[in-house]
């Protein structure tokens, strides 16, 4: 079973690499505005998780500079996700607002929807 997961993970990564979405090119000022909105966001993820790949593809497509945190290979991030987020599940978007309150958002569709709505991105 471990081999099957490893093989499928590599297959997913290969397909992702070969079919990467083209990033949106914005004017410098507009990109800086988007970057300022995403500075307090981070995504906890696994490299070969298909749902994490789905989220990363949207980040690339919309040229979003959000920190990716490897919760599988980095014990500090794994601990943060488990203790602060409440569960060891990826992908997970960590949202820290201006007052320092932290919200944890799970599920790839919810994360993508939040980013599109909150950052007012085009619906594609």
PDB file of N, CA and C in Angstrom:
ATOM      1  N   UNK A   1       0.832  -1.199   0.000  1.00  0.00           N
ATOM      2  CA  UNK A   1       0.000   0.000   0.000  1.00  0.00           C
ATOM      3  C   UNK A   1       0.874   1.260   0.000  1.00  0.00           C
ATOM      4  N   UNK A   2       1.980   1.201   0.742  1.00  0.00           N
ATOM      5  CA  UNK A   2       2.870   2.352   0.804  1.00  0.00           C
ATOM      6  C   UNK A   2       3.428   2.676  -0.585  1.00  0.00           C
ATOM      7  N   UNK A   3       3.779   1.631  -1.334  1.00  0.00           N
ATOM      8  CA  UNK A   3       4.297   1.833  -2.690  1.00  0.00           C
ATOM      9  C   UNK A   3       3.241   2.464  -3.595  1.00  0.00           C
ATOM     10  N   UNK A   4       2.004   2.014  -3.471  1.00  0.00           N
ATOM     11  CA  UNK A   4       0.917   2.552  -4.301  1.00  0.00           C
ATOM     12  C   UNK A   4       0.750   4.042  -4.029  1.00  0.00           C
ATOM     13  N   UNK A   5       0.757   4.429  -2.752  1.00  0.00           N
ATOM     14  CA  UNK A   5       0.637   5.848  -2.404  1.00  0.00           C
ATOM     15  C   UNK A   5       1.813   6.651  -2.954  1.00  0.00           C
ATOM     16  N   UNK A   6       3.007   6.088  -2.800  1.00  0.00           N
ATOM     17  CA  UNK A   6       4.200   6.768  -3.305  1.00  0.00           C
ATOM     18  C   UNK A   6       4.093   6.949  -4.816  1.00  0.00           C
ATOM     19  N   UNK A   7       3.714   5.887  -5.523  1.00  0.00           N
ATOM     20  CA  UNK A   7       3.600   5.930  -6.981  1.00  0.00           C
ATOM     21  C   UNK A   7       2.547   6.949  -7.422  1.00  0.00           C
ATOM     22  N   UNK A   8       1.380   6.911  -6.792  1.00  0.00           N
ATOM     23  CA  UNK A   8       0.321   7.858  -7.149  1.00  0.00           C
ATOM     24  C   UNK A   8       0.749   9.295  -6.868  1.00  0.00           C
ATOM     25  N   UNK A   9       1.453   9.497  -5.757  1.00  0.00           N
ATOM     26  CA  UNK A   9       1.962  10.828  -5.431  1.00  0.00           C
ATOM     27  C   UNK A   9       2.898  11.347  -6.507  1.00  0.00           C
ATOM     28  N   UNK A  10       3.810  10.497  -6.957  1.00  0.00           N
ATOM     29  CA  UNK A  10       4.750  10.892  -8.016  1.00  0.00           C
ATOM     30  C   UNK A  10       4.014  11.155  -9.329  1.00  0.00           C
ATOM     31  N   UNK A  11       3.001  10.352  -9.606  1.00  0.00           N
ATOM     32  CA  UNK A  11       2.202  10.550 -10.813  1.00  0.00           C
ATOM     33  C   UNK A  11       1.486  11.902 -10.767  1.00  0.00           C
ATOM     34  N   UNK A  12       0.898  12.214  -9.626  1.00  0.00           N
ATOM     35  CA  UNK A  12       0.204  13.493  -9.449  1.00  0.00           C
ATOM     36  C   UNK A  12       1.177  14.652  -9.636  1.00  0.00           C
ATOM     37  N   UNK A  13       2.360  14.553  -9.034  1.00  0.00           N
ATOM     38  CA  UNK A  13       3.353  15.622  -9.158  1.00  0.00           C
ATOM     39  C   UNK A  13       3.841  15.774 -10.600  1.00  0.00           C
ATOM     40  N   UNK A  14       3.993  14.667 -11.291  1.00  0.00           N
ATOM     41  CA  UNK A  14       4.431  14.720 -12.691  1.00  0.00           C
ATOM     42  C   UNK A  14       3.378  15.392 -13.567  1.00  0.00           C
ATOM     43  N   UNK A  15       2.131  14.991 -13.387  1.00  0.00           N
ATOM     44  CA  UNK A  15       1.045  15.602 -14.164  1.00  0.00           C
ATOM     45  C   UNK A  15       0.945  17.089 -13.840  1.00  0.00           C
ATOM     46  N   UNK A  16       1.070  17.435 -12.560  1.00  0.00           N
ATOM     47  CA  UNK A  16       1.035  18.842 -12.162  1.00  0.00           C
ATOM     48  C   UNK A  16       2.160  19.615 -12.842  1.00  0.00           C
ATOM     49  N   UNK A  17       3.350  19.051 -12.846  1.00  0.00           N
ATOM     50  CA  UNK A  17       4.503  19.715 -13.458  1.00  0.00           C
ATOM     51  C   UNK A  17       4.290  19.929 -14.958  1.00  0.00           C
ATOM     52  N   UNK A  18       3.751  18.925 -15.619  1.00  0.00           N
ATOM     53  CA  UNK A  18       3.572  18.995 -17.069  1.00  0.00           C
ATOM     54  C   UNK A  18       2.412  19.891 -17.497  1.00  0.00           C
ATOM     55  N   UNK A  19       1.481  20.152 -16.593  1.00  0.00           N
ATOM     56  CA  UNK A  19       0.287  20.936 -16.943  1.00  0.00           C
ATOM     57  C   UNK A  19       0.131  22.167 -16.055  1.00  0.00           C
ATOM     58  N   UNK A  20       1.237  22.750 -15.618  1.00  0.00           N
ATOM     59  CA  UNK A  20       1.162  23.917 -14.731  1.00  0.00           C
ATOM     60  C   UNK A  20       0.341  25.034 -15.363  1.00  0.00           C
ATOM     61  N   UNK A  21      -0.540  25.650 -14.572  1.00  0.00           N
ATOM     62  CA  UNK A  21      -1.305  26.774 -15.112  1.00  0.00           C
ATOM     63  C   UNK A  21      -0.396  27.992 -15.296  1.00  0.00           C
ATOM     64  N   UNK A  22      -0.733  28.794 -16.260  1.00  0.00           N
ATOM     65  CA  UNK A  22       0.028  30.013 -16.524  1.00  0.00           C
ATOM     66  C   UNK A  22      -0.398  31.078 -15.511  1.00  0.00           C
ATOM     67  N   UNK A  23       0.560  31.691 -14.823  1.00  0.00           N
ATOM     68  CA  UNK A  23       0.189  32.694 -13.820  1.00  0.00           C
ATOM     69  C   UNK A  23      -0.322  33.992 -14.450  1.00  0.00           C
ATOM     70  N   UNK A  24      -1.218  34.628 -13.734  1.00  0.00           N
ATOM     71  CA  UNK A  24      -1.717  35.939 -14.139  1.00  0.00           C
ATOM     72  C   UNK A  24      -0.575  36.938 -13.985  1.00  0.00           C
ATOM     73  N   UNK A  25      -0.438  37.819 -14.956  1.00  0.00           N
ATOM     74  CA  UNK A  25       0.569  38.878 -14.863  1.00  0.00           C
ATOM     75  C   UNK A  25      -0.176  40.173 -14.577  1.00  0.00           C
ATOM     76  N   UNK A  26       0.161  40.772 -13.442  1.00  0.00           N
ATOM     77  CA  UNK A  26      -0.488  42.019 -13.040  1.00  0.00           C
ATOM     78  C   UNK A  26       0.513  43.167 -13.126  1.00  0.00           C
ATOM     79  N   UNK A  27      -0.021  44.367 -13.086  1.00  0.00           N
ATOM     80  CA  UNK A  27       0.853  45.529 -12.959  1.00  0.00           C
ATOM     81  C   UNK A  27       1.513  45.458 -11.588  1.00  0.00           C
ATOM     82  N   UNK A  28       2.691  46.035 -11.482  1.00  0.00           N
ATOM     83  CA  UNK A  28       3.489  45.942 -10.257  1.00  0.00           C
ATOM     84  C   UNK A  28       2.703  46.406  -9.027  1.00  0.00           C
ATOM     85  N   UNK A  29       2.042  47.527  -9.137  1.00  0.00           N
ATOM     86  CA  UNK A  29       1.296  48.084  -8.003  1.00  0.00           C
ATOM     87  C   UNK A  29       0.148  47.161  -7.579  1.00  0.00           C
ATOM     88  N   UNK A  30      -0.539  46.608  -8.549  1.00  0.00           N
ATOM     89  CA  UNK A  30      -1.646  45.695  -8.255  1.00  0.00           C
ATOM     90  C   UNK A  30      -1.135  44.421  -7.574  1.00  0.00           C
ATOM     91  N   UNK A  31       0.016  43.897  -8.048  1.00  0.00           N
ATOM     92  CA  UNK A  31       0.598  42.703  -7.429  1.00  0.00           C
ATOM     93  C   UNK A  31       1.043  43.001  -6.002  1.00  0.00           C
ATOM     94  N   UNK A  32       1.590  44.191  -5.776  1.00  0.00           N
ATOM     95  CA  UNK A  32       2.005  44.581  -4.424  1.00  0.00           C
ATOM     96  C   UNK A  32       0.807  44.655  -3.487  1.00  0.00           C
ATOM     97  N   UNK A  33      -0.320  45.122  -3.990  1.00  0.00           N
ATOM     98  CA  UNK A  33      -1.546  45.180  -3.188  1.00  0.00           C
ATOM     99  C   UNK A  33      -1.999  43.774  -2.808  1.00  0.00           C
ATOM    100  N   UNK A  34      -1.987  42.860  -3.771  1.00  0.00           N
ATOM    101  CA  UNK A  34      -2.358  41.461  -3.506  1.00  0.00           C
ATOM    102  C   UNK A  34      -1.379  40.839  -2.514  1.00  0.00           C
ATOM    103  N   UNK A  35      -0.084  41.094  -2.700  1.00  0.00           N
ATOM    104  CA  UNK A  35       0.930  40.547  -1.790  1.00  0.00           C
ATOM    105  C   UNK A  35       0.717  41.042  -0.362  1.00  0.00           C
ATOM    106  N   UNK A  36       0.320  42.306  -0.217  1.00  0.00           N
ATOM    107  CA  UNK A  36       0.062  42.856   1.117  1.00  0.00           C
ATOM    108  C   UNK A  36      -1.127  42.155   1.776  1.00  0.00           C
ATOM    109  N   UNK A  37      -2.109  41.773   0.978  1.00  0.00           N
ATOM    110  CA  UNK A  37      -3.283  41.076   1.513  1.00  0.00           C
ATOM    111  C   UNK A  37      -2.971  39.636   1.916  1.00  0.00           C
ATOM    112  N   UNK A  38      -1.946  39.051   1.316  1.00  0.00           N
ATOM    113  CA  UNK A  38      -1.628  37.644   1.591  1.00  0.00           C
ATOM    114  C   UNK A  38      -0.470  37.464   2.564  1.00  0.00           C
ATOM    115  N   UNK A  39       0.086  38.548   3.067  1.00  0.00           N
ATOM    116  CA  UNK A  39       1.273  38.438   3.923  1.00  0.00           C
ATOM    117  C   UNK A  39       1.000  37.658   5.212  1.00  0.00           C
ATOM    118  N   UNK A  40      -0.214  37.686   5.716  1.00  0.00           N
ATOM    119  CA  UNK A  40      -0.553  36.981   6.955  1.00  0.00           C
ATOM    120  C   UNK A  40      -1.248  35.638   6.707  1.00  0.00           C
ATOM    121  N   UNK A  41      -1.086  35.109   5.515  1.00  0.00           N
ATOM    122  CA  UNK A  41      -1.671  33.815   5.174  1.00  0.00           C
ATOM    123  C   UNK A  41      -0.560  32.789   4.987  1.00  0.00           C
ATOM    124  N   UNK A  42      -0.839  31.566   5.373  1.00  0.00           N
ATOM    125  CA  UNK A  42       0.093  30.468   5.096  1.00  0.00           C
ATOM    126  C   UNK A  42      -0.714  29.193   4.902  1.00  0.00           C
ATOM    127  N   UNK A  43      -0.170  28.311   4.075  1.00  0.00           N
ATOM    128  CA  UNK A  43      -0.850  27.062   3.767  1.00  0.00           C
ATOM    129  C   UNK A  43      -0.007  25.901   4.250  1.00  0.00           C
ATOM    130  N   UNK A  44      -0.618  25.074   5.085  1.00  0.00           N
ATOM    131  CA  UNK A  44       0.016  23.839   5.548  1.00  0.00           C
ATOM    132  C   UNK A  44      -0.363  22.768   4.537  1.00  0.00           C
ATOM    133  N   UNK A  45       0.633  22.037   4.059  1.00  0.00           N
ATOM    134  CA  UNK A  45       0.377  21.111   2.964  1.00  0.00           C
ATOM    135  C   UNK A  45       1.392  19.981   2.941  1.00  0.00           C
ATOM    136  N   UNK A  46       1.068  18.973   2.144  1.00  0.00           N
ATOM    137  CA  UNK A  46       1.987  17.875   1.822  1.00  0.00           C
ATOM    138  C   UNK A  46       2.301  18.015   0.335  1.00  0.00           C
ATOM    139  N   UNK A  47       3.507  17.685  -0.047  1.00  0.00           N
ATOM    140  CA  UNK A  47       3.920  17.839  -1.438  1.00  0.00           C
ATOM    141  C   UNK A  47       3.072  17.083  -2.441  1.00  0.00           C
ATOM    142  N   UNK A  48       2.766  15.820  -2.168  1.00  0.00           N
ATOM    143  CA  UNK A  48       2.079  14.983  -3.157  1.00  0.00           C
ATOM    144  C   UNK A  48       0.590  14.793  -2.887  1.00  0.00           C
ATOM    145  N   UNK A  49       0.043  15.503  -1.934  1.00  0.00           N
ATOM    146  CA  UNK A  49      -1.391  15.408  -1.643  1.00  0.00           C
ATOM    147  C   UNK A  49      -2.177  16.030  -2.805  1.00  0.00           C
ATOM    148  N   UNK A  50      -3.109  15.294  -3.408  1.00  0.00           N
ATOM    149  CA  UNK A  50      -3.834  15.833  -4.565  1.00  0.00           C
ATOM    150  C   UNK A  50      -4.636  17.097  -4.251  1.00  0.00           C
ATOM    151  N   UNK A  51      -5.164  17.201  -3.050  1.00  0.00           N
ATOM    152  CA  UNK A  51      -5.930  18.394  -2.685  1.00  0.00           C
ATOM    153  C   UNK A  51      -5.007  19.590  -2.462  1.00  0.00           C
ATOM    154  N   UNK A  52      -3.803  19.321  -1.969  1.00  0.00           N
ATOM    155  CA  UNK A  52      -2.799  20.377  -1.810  1.00  0.00           C
ATOM    156  C   UNK A  52      -2.319  20.854  -3.177  1.00  0.00           C
ATOM    157  N   UNK A  53      -2.150  19.919  -4.100  1.00  0.00           N
ATOM    158  CA  UNK A  53      -1.759  20.270  -5.470  1.00  0.00           C
ATOM    159  C   UNK A  53      -2.830  21.177  -6.080  1.00  0.00           C
ATOM    160  N   UNK A  54      -4.076  20.855  -5.841  1.00  0.00           N
ATOM    161  CA  UNK A  54      -5.196  21.658  -6.353  1.00  0.00           C
ATOM    162  C   UNK A  54      -5.098  23.100  -5.849  1.00  0.00           C
ATOM    163  N   UNK A  55      -4.805  23.269  -4.563  1.00  0.00           N
ATOM    164  CA  UNK A  55      -4.679  24.606  -3.983  1.00  0.00           C
ATOM    165  C   UNK A  55      -3.447  25.313  -4.554  1.00  0.00           C
ATOM    166  N   UNK A  56      -2.320  24.614  -4.627  1.00  0.00           N
ATOM    167  CA  UNK A  56      -1.094  25.224  -5.164  1.00  0.00           C
ATOM    168  C   UNK A  56      -1.275  25.665  -6.616  1.00  0.00           C
ATOM    169  N   UNK A  57      -2.031  24.906  -7.384  1.00  0.00           N
ATOM    170  CA  UNK A  57      -2.294  25.288  -8.781  1.00  0.00           C
ATOM    171  C   UNK A  57      -3.070  26.608  -8.834  1.00  0.00           C
ATOM    172  N   UNK A  58      -4.010  26.786  -7.919  1.00  0.00           N
ATOM    173  CA  UNK A  58      -4.759  28.048  -7.867  1.00  0.00           C
ATOM    174  C   UNK A  58      -3.859  29.207  -7.429  1.00  0.00           C
ATOM    175  N   UNK A  59      -2.953  28.932  -6.491  1.00  0.00           N
ATOM    176  CA  UNK A  59      -2.012  29.973  -6.067  1.00  0.00           C
ATOM    177  C   UNK A  59      -1.176  30.433  -7.253  1.00  0.00           C
ATOM    178  N   UNK A  60      -0.690  29.473  -8.019  1.00  0.00           N
ATOM    179  CA  UNK A  60       0.126  29.807  -9.196  1.00  0.00           C
ATOM    180  C   UNK A  60      -0.714  30.548 -10.242  1.00  0.00           C
ATOM    181  N   UNK A  61      -1.891  30.035 -10.517  1.00  0.00           N
ATOM    182  CA  UNK A  61      -2.762  30.636 -11.532  1.00  0.00           C
ATOM    183  C   UNK A  61      -3.062  32.099 -11.222  1.00  0.00           C
ATOM    184  N   UNK A  62      -3.277  32.400  -9.946  1.00  0.00           N
ATOM    185  CA  UNK A  62      -3.631  33.760  -9.540  1.00  0.00           C
ATOM    186  C   UNK A  62      -2.433  34.557  -9.028  1.00  0.00           C
ATOM    187  N   UNK A  63      -1.230  34.019  -9.198  1.00  0.00           N
ATOM    188  CA  UNK A  63       0.013  34.698  -8.789  1.00  0.00           C
ATOM    189  C   UNK A  63      -0.044  35.151  -7.333  1.00  0.00           C
ATOM    190  N   UNK A  64      -0.426  34.235  -6.456  1.00  0.00           N
ATOM    191  CA  UNK A  64      -0.518  34.546  -5.031  1.00  0.00           C
ATOM    192  C   UNK A  64       0.746  34.084  -4.315  1.00  0.00           C
ATOM    193  N   UNK A  65       1.365  35.003  -3.610  1.00  0.00           N
ATOM    194  CA  UNK A  65       2.581  34.693  -2.861  1.00  0.00           C
ATOM    195  C   UNK A  65       2.214  34.381  -1.415  1.00  0.00           C
ATOM    196  N   UNK A  66       1.809  33.150  -1.197  1.00  0.00           N
ATOM    197  CA  UNK A  66       1.423  32.688   0.135  1.00  0.00           C
ATOM    198  C   UNK A  66       2.430  31.641   0.567  1.00  0.00           C
ATOM    199  N   UNK A  67       2.891  31.773   1.810  1.00  0.00           N
ATOM    200  CA  UNK A  67       3.889  30.837   2.323  1.00  0.00           C
ATOM    201  C   UNK A  67       3.317  29.423   2.382  1.00  0.00           C
ATOM    202  N   UNK A  68       4.076  28.479   1.841  1.00  0.00           N
ATOM    203  CA  UNK A  68       3.709  27.066   1.909  1.00  0.00           C
ATOM    204  C   UNK A  68       4.504  26.417   3.027  1.00  0.00           C
ATOM    205  N   UNK A  69       3.813  25.720   3.909  1.00  0.00           N
ATOM    206  CA  UNK A  69       4.457  25.062   5.042  1.00  0.00           C
ATOM    207  C   UNK A  69       4.273  23.552   4.926  1.00  0.00           C
ATOM    208  N   UNK A  70       5.381  22.847   4.861  1.00  0.00           N
ATOM    209  CA  UNK A  70       5.375  21.392   4.702  1.00  0.00           C
ATOM    210  C   UNK A  70       5.113  20.727   6.051  1.00  0.00           C
ATOM    211  N   UNK A  71       3.870  20.344   6.287  1.00  0.00           N
ATOM    212  CA  UNK A  71       3.476  19.755   7.571  1.00  0.00           C
ATOM    213  C   UNK A  71       3.858  18.289   7.685  1.00  0.00           C
ATOM    214  N   UNK A  72       4.348  17.709   6.621  1.00  0.00           N
ATOM    215  CA  UNK A  72       4.746  16.306   6.665  1.00  0.00           C
ATOM    216  C   UNK A  72       6.212  16.159   7.068  1.00  0.00           C
ATOM    217  N   UNK A  73       7.076  16.998   6.515  1.00  0.00           N
ATOM    218  CA  UNK A  73       8.512  16.864   6.731  1.00  0.00           C
ATOM    219  C   UNK A  73       9.098  17.852   7.732  1.00  0.00           C
ATOM    220  N   UNK A  74       8.305  18.809   8.186  1.00  0.00           N
ATOM    221  CA  UNK A  74       8.779  19.790   9.152  1.00  0.00           C
ATOM    222  C   UNK A  74       7.982  19.612  10.450  1.00  0.00           C
ATOM    223  N   UNK A  75       8.640  19.114  11.489  1.00  0.00           N
ATOM    224  CA  UNK A  75       7.932  18.807  12.740  1.00  0.00           C
ATOM    225  C   UNK A  75       7.351  20.054  13.403  1.00  0.00           C
ATOM    226  N   UNK A  76       8.007  21.196  13.244  1.00  0.00           N
ATOM    227  CA  UNK A  76       7.486  22.425  13.835  1.00  0.00           C
ATOM    228  C   UNK A  76       6.128  22.778  13.212  1.00  0.00           C
ATOM    229  N   UNK A  77       6.032  22.685  11.886  1.00  0.00           N
ATOM    230  CA  UNK A  77       4.775  22.992  11.212  1.00  0.00           C
ATOM    231  C   UNK A  77       3.711  21.946  11.531  1.00  0.00           C
ATOM    232  N   UNK A  78       4.116  20.701  11.642  1.00  0.00           N
ATOM    233  CA  UNK A  78       3.176  19.632  11.995  1.00  0.00           C
ATOM    234  C   UNK A  78       2.586  19.901  13.380  1.00  0.00           C
ATOM    235  N   UNK A  79       3.449  20.300  14.319  1.00  0.00           N
ATOM    236  CA  UNK A  79       2.993  20.612  15.676  1.00  0.00           C
ATOM    237  C   UNK A  79       2.047  21.805  15.684  1.00  0.00           C
ATOM    238  N   UNK A  80       2.412  22.863  14.964  1.00  0.00           N
ATOM    239  CA  UNK A  80       1.555  24.051  14.876  1.00  0.00           C
ATOM    240  C   UNK A  80       0.173  23.677  14.350  1.00  0.00           C
ATOM    241  N   UNK A  81       0.166  22.918  13.281  1.00  0.00           N
ATOM    242  CA  UNK A  81      -1.097  22.520  12.659  1.00  0.00           C
ATOM    243  C   UNK A  81      -1.950  21.711  13.622  1.00  0.00           C
ATOM    244  N   UNK A  82      -1.325  20.788  14.337  1.00  0.00           N
ATOM    245  CA  UNK A  82      -2.052  19.919  15.256  1.00  0.00           C
ATOM    246  C   UNK A  82      -2.525  20.673  16.492  1.00  0.00           C
ATOM    247  N   UNK A  83      -1.627  21.426  17.117  1.00  0.00           N
ATOM    248  CA  UNK A  83      -1.967  22.100  18.380  1.00  0.00           C
ATOM    249  C   UNK A  83      -2.813  23.346  18.180  1.00  0.00           C
ATOM    250  N   UNK A  84      -2.420  24.198  17.251  1.00  0.00           N
ATOM    251  CA  UNK A  84      -3.145  25.453  17.057  1.00  0.00           C
ATOM    252  C   UNK A  84      -4.366  25.277  16.150  1.00  0.00           C
ATOM    253  N   UNK A  85      -4.200  24.475  15.108  1.00  0.00           N
ATOM    254  CA  UNK A  85      -5.304  24.262  14.166  1.00  0.00           C
ATOM    255  C   UNK A  85      -6.329  23.267  14.660  1.00  0.00           C
ATOM    256  N   UNK A  86      -5.887  22.365  15.540  1.00  0.00           N
ATOM    257  CA  UNK A  86      -6.819  21.406  16.122  1.00  0.00           C
ATOM    258  C   UNK A  86      -6.838  20.040  15.468  1.00  0.00           C
ATOM    259  N   UNK A  87      -6.283  19.923  14.275  1.00  0.00           N
ATOM    260  CA  UNK A  87      -6.229  18.613  13.625  1.00  0.00           C
ATOM    261  C   UNK A  87      -5.081  18.565  12.622  1.00  0.00           C
ATOM    262  N   UNK A  88      -4.615  17.363  12.387  1.00  0.00           N
ATOM    263  CA  UNK A  88      -3.524  17.127  11.442  1.00  0.00           C
ATOM    264  C   UNK A  88      -4.146  16.761  10.106  1.00  0.00           C
ATOM    265  N   UNK A  89      -4.553  17.792   9.371  1.00  0.00           N
ATOM    266  CA  UNK A  89      -5.251  17.603   8.102  1.00  0.00           C
ATOM    267  C   UNK A  89      -4.801  18.698   7.135  1.00  0.00           C
ATOM    268  N   UNK A  90      -4.527  18.299   5.913  1.00  0.00           N
ATOM    269  CA  UNK A  90      -4.106  19.263   4.904  1.00  0.00           C
ATOM    270  C   UNK A  90      -4.985  19.127   3.666  1.00  0.00           C
ATOM    271  N   UNK A  91      -5.079  20.153   2.846  1.00  0.00           N
ATOM    272  CA  UNK A  91      -4.489  21.463   3.027  1.00  0.00           C
ATOM    273  C   UNK A  91      -5.232  22.258   4.102  1.00  0.00           C
ATOM    274  N   UNK A  92      -4.509  23.197   4.681  1.00  0.00           N
ATOM    275  CA  UNK A  92      -5.086  24.061   5.704  1.00  0.00           C
ATOM    276  C   UNK A  92      -4.544  25.470   5.507  1.00  0.00           C
ATOM    277  N   UNK A  93      -5.437  26.425   5.463  1.00  0.00           N
ATOM    278  CA  UNK A  93      -5.053  27.827   5.333  1.00  0.00           C
ATOM    279  C   UNK A  93      -5.101  28.475   6.708  1.00  0.00           C
ATOM    280  N   UNK A  94      -3.974  29.032   7.120  1.00  0.00           N
ATOM    281  CA  UNK A  94      -3.888  29.762   8.387  1.00  0.00           C
ATOM    282  C   UNK A  94      -4.054  31.239   8.057  1.00  0.00           C
ATOM    283  N   UNK A  95      -5.087  31.841   8.643  1.00  0.00           N
ATOM    284  CA  UNK A  95      -5.422  33.233   8.373  1.00  0.00           C
ATOM    285  C   UNK A  95      -5.229  34.022   9.660  1.00  0.00           C
ATOM    286  N   UNK A  96      -4.299  34.951   9.638  1.00  0.00           N
ATOM    287  CA  UNK A  96      -4.081  35.813  10.806  1.00  0.00           C
ATOM    288  C   UNK A  96      -4.535  37.212  10.428  1.00  0.00           C
ATOM    289  N   UNK A  97      -5.523  37.735  11.173  1.00  0.00           N
ATOM    290  CA  UNK A  97      -6.033  39.062  10.832  1.00  0.00           C
ATOM    291  C   UNK A  97      -5.208  40.155  11.519  1.00  0.00           C
ATOM    292  N   UNK A  98      -5.586  41.399  11.304  1.00  0.00           N
ATOM    293  CA  UNK A  98      -4.818  42.542  11.816  1.00  0.00           C
ATOM    294  C   UNK A  98      -4.761  42.597  13.339  1.00  0.00           C
ATOM    295  N   UNK A  99      -5.747  42.016  14.008  1.00  0.00           N
ATOM    296  CA  UNK A  99      -5.762  42.039  15.477  1.00  0.00           C
ATOM    297  C   UNK A  99      -5.006  40.861  16.077  1.00  0.00           C
ATOM    298  N   UNK A 100      -4.488  39.978  15.228  1.00  0.00           N
ATOM    299  CA  UNK A 100      -3.732  38.824  15.714  1.00  0.00           C
ATOM    300  C   UNK A 100      -4.565  37.571  15.907  1.00  0.00           C
ATOM    301  N   UNK A 101      -5.870  37.669  15.654  1.00  0.00           N
ATOM    302  CA  UNK A 101      -6.719  36.479  15.743  1.00  0.00           C
ATOM    303  C   UNK A 101      -6.384  35.539  14.588  1.00  0.00           C
ATOM    304  N   UNK A 102      -6.404  34.244  14.883  1.00  0.00           N
ATOM    305  CA  UNK A 102      -6.044  33.252  13.873  1.00  0.00           C
ATOM    306  C   UNK A 102      -7.233  32.352  13.582  1.00  0.00           C
ATOM    307  N   UNK A 103      -7.481  32.152  12.305  1.00  0.00           N
ATOM    308  CA  UNK A 103      -8.548  31.261  11.842  1.00  0.00           C
ATOM    309  C   UNK A 103      -7.891  30.176  10.996  1.00  0.00           C
ATOM    310  N   UNK A 104      -8.366  28.954  11.151  1.00  0.00           N
ATOM    311  CA  UNK A 104      -7.839  27.817  10.394  1.00  0.00           C
ATOM    312  C   UNK A 104      -8.925  27.329   9.456  1.00  0.00           C
ATOM    313  N   UNK A 105      -8.611  27.267   8.184  1.00  0.00           N
ATOM    314  CA  UNK A 105      -9.590  26.863   7.182  1.00  0.00           C
ATOM    315  C   UNK A 105      -9.097  25.604   6.474  1.00  0.00           C
ATOM    316  N   UNK A 106      -9.892  24.542   6.565  1.00  0.00           N
ATOM    317  CA  UNK A 106      -9.551  23.264   5.944  1.00  0.00           C
ATOM    318  C   UNK A 106     -10.384  23.074   4.677  1.00  0.00           C
ATOM    319  N   UNK A 107     -10.050  22.071   3.903  1.00  0.00           N
ATOM    320  CA  UNK A 107     -10.742  21.696   2.663  1.00  0.00           C
ATOM    321  C   UNK A 107     -10.301  22.595   1.502  1.00  0.00           C
ATOM    322  N   UNK A 108      -9.841  21.969   0.451  1.00  0.00           N
ATOM    323  CA  UNK A 108      -9.307  22.699  -0.701  1.00  0.00           C
ATOM    324  C   UNK A 108     -10.339  23.638  -1.330  1.00  0.00           C
ATOM    325  N   UNK A 109     -11.561  23.181  -1.494  1.00  0.00           N
ATOM    326  CA  UNK A 109     -12.588  24.037  -2.102  1.00  0.00           C
ATOM    327  C   UNK A 109     -12.885  25.259  -1.241  1.00  0.00           C
ATOM    328  N   UNK A 110     -12.902  25.088   0.068  1.00  0.00           N
ATOM    329  CA  UNK A 110     -13.143  26.210   0.978  1.00  0.00           C
ATOM    330  C   UNK A 110     -11.994  27.210   0.923  1.00  0.00           C
ATOM    331  N   UNK A 111     -10.773  26.700   0.854  1.00  0.00           N
ATOM    332  CA  UNK A 111      -9.595  27.571   0.782  1.00  0.00           C
ATOM    333  C   UNK A 111      -9.622  28.383  -0.512  1.00  0.00           C
ATOM    334  N   UNK A 112      -9.868  27.717  -1.621  1.00  0.00           N
ATOM    335  CA  UNK A 112      -9.903  28.400  -2.919  1.00  0.00           C
ATOM    336  C   UNK A 112     -11.028  29.429  -2.951  1.00  0.00           C
ATOM    337  N   UNK A 113     -12.182  29.063  -2.443  1.00  0.00           N
ATOM    338  CA  UNK A 113     -13.315  29.984  -2.396  1.00  0.00           C
ATOM    339  C   UNK A 113     -12.990  31.202  -1.532  1.00  0.00           C
ATOM    340  N   UNK A 114     -12.382  30.975  -0.374  1.00  0.00           N
ATOM    341  CA  UNK A 114     -12.002  32.076   0.512  1.00  0.00           C
ATOM    342  C   UNK A 114     -11.041  33.026  -0.200  1.00  0.00           C
ATOM    343  N   UNK A 115     -10.020  32.479  -0.834  1.00  0.00           N
ATOM    344  CA  UNK A 115      -9.026  33.319  -1.508  1.00  0.00           C
ATOM    345  C   UNK A 115      -9.663  34.137  -2.625  1.00  0.00           C
ATOM    346  N   UNK A 116     -10.519  33.514  -3.413  1.00  0.00           N
ATOM    347  CA  UNK A 116     -11.165  34.232  -4.513  1.00  0.00           C
ATOM    348  C   UNK A 116     -12.089  35.326  -4.000  1.00  0.00           C
ATOM    349  N   UNK A 117     -12.807  35.038  -2.927  1.00  0.00           N
ATOM    350  CA  UNK A 117     -13.746  36.008  -2.368  1.00  0.00           C
ATOM    351  C   UNK A 117     -13.016  37.119  -1.630  1.00  0.00           C
ATOM    352  N   UNK A 118     -12.121  36.742  -0.723  1.00  0.00           N
ATOM    353  CA  UNK A 118     -11.434  37.720   0.115  1.00  0.00           C
ATOM    354  C   UNK A 118     -10.495  38.617  -0.686  1.00  0.00           C
ATOM    355  N   UNK A 119      -9.832  38.057  -1.664  1.00  0.00           N
ATOM    356  CA  UNK A 119      -8.883  38.832  -2.461  1.00  0.00           C
ATOM    357  C   UNK A 119      -9.516  39.405  -3.723  1.00  0.00           C
ATOM    358  N   UNK A 120     -10.808  39.125  -3.902  1.00  0.00           N
ATOM    359  CA  UNK A 120     -11.571  39.614  -5.058  1.00  0.00           C
ATOM    360  C   UNK A 120     -10.891  39.243  -6.376  1.00  0.00           C
ATOM    361  N   UNK A 121     -10.556  37.957  -6.484  1.00  0.00           N
ATOM    362  CA  UNK A 121      -9.920  37.452  -7.698  1.00  0.00           C
ATOM    363  C   UNK A 121     -10.978  37.109  -8.727  1.00  0.00           C
ATOM    364  N   UNK A 122     -10.570  37.032  -9.974  1.00  0.00           N
ATOM    365  CA  UNK A 122     -11.516  36.639 -11.018  1.00  0.00           C
ATOM    366  C   UNK A 122     -11.999  35.219 -10.735  1.00  0.00           C
ATOM    367  N   UNK A 123     -13.229  34.875 -11.082  1.00  0.00           N
ATOM    368  CA  UNK A 123     -13.832  33.599 -10.694  1.00  0.00           C
ATOM    369  C   UNK A 123     -13.234  32.359 -11.343  1.00  0.00           C
ATOM    370  N   UNK A 124     -12.427  32.457 -12.365  1.00  0.00           N
ATOM    371  CA  UNK A 124     -11.881  31.265 -13.044  1.00  0.00           C
ATOM    372  C   UNK A 124     -10.983  30.473 -12.165  1.00  0.00           C
TER     373      UNK A 124
END
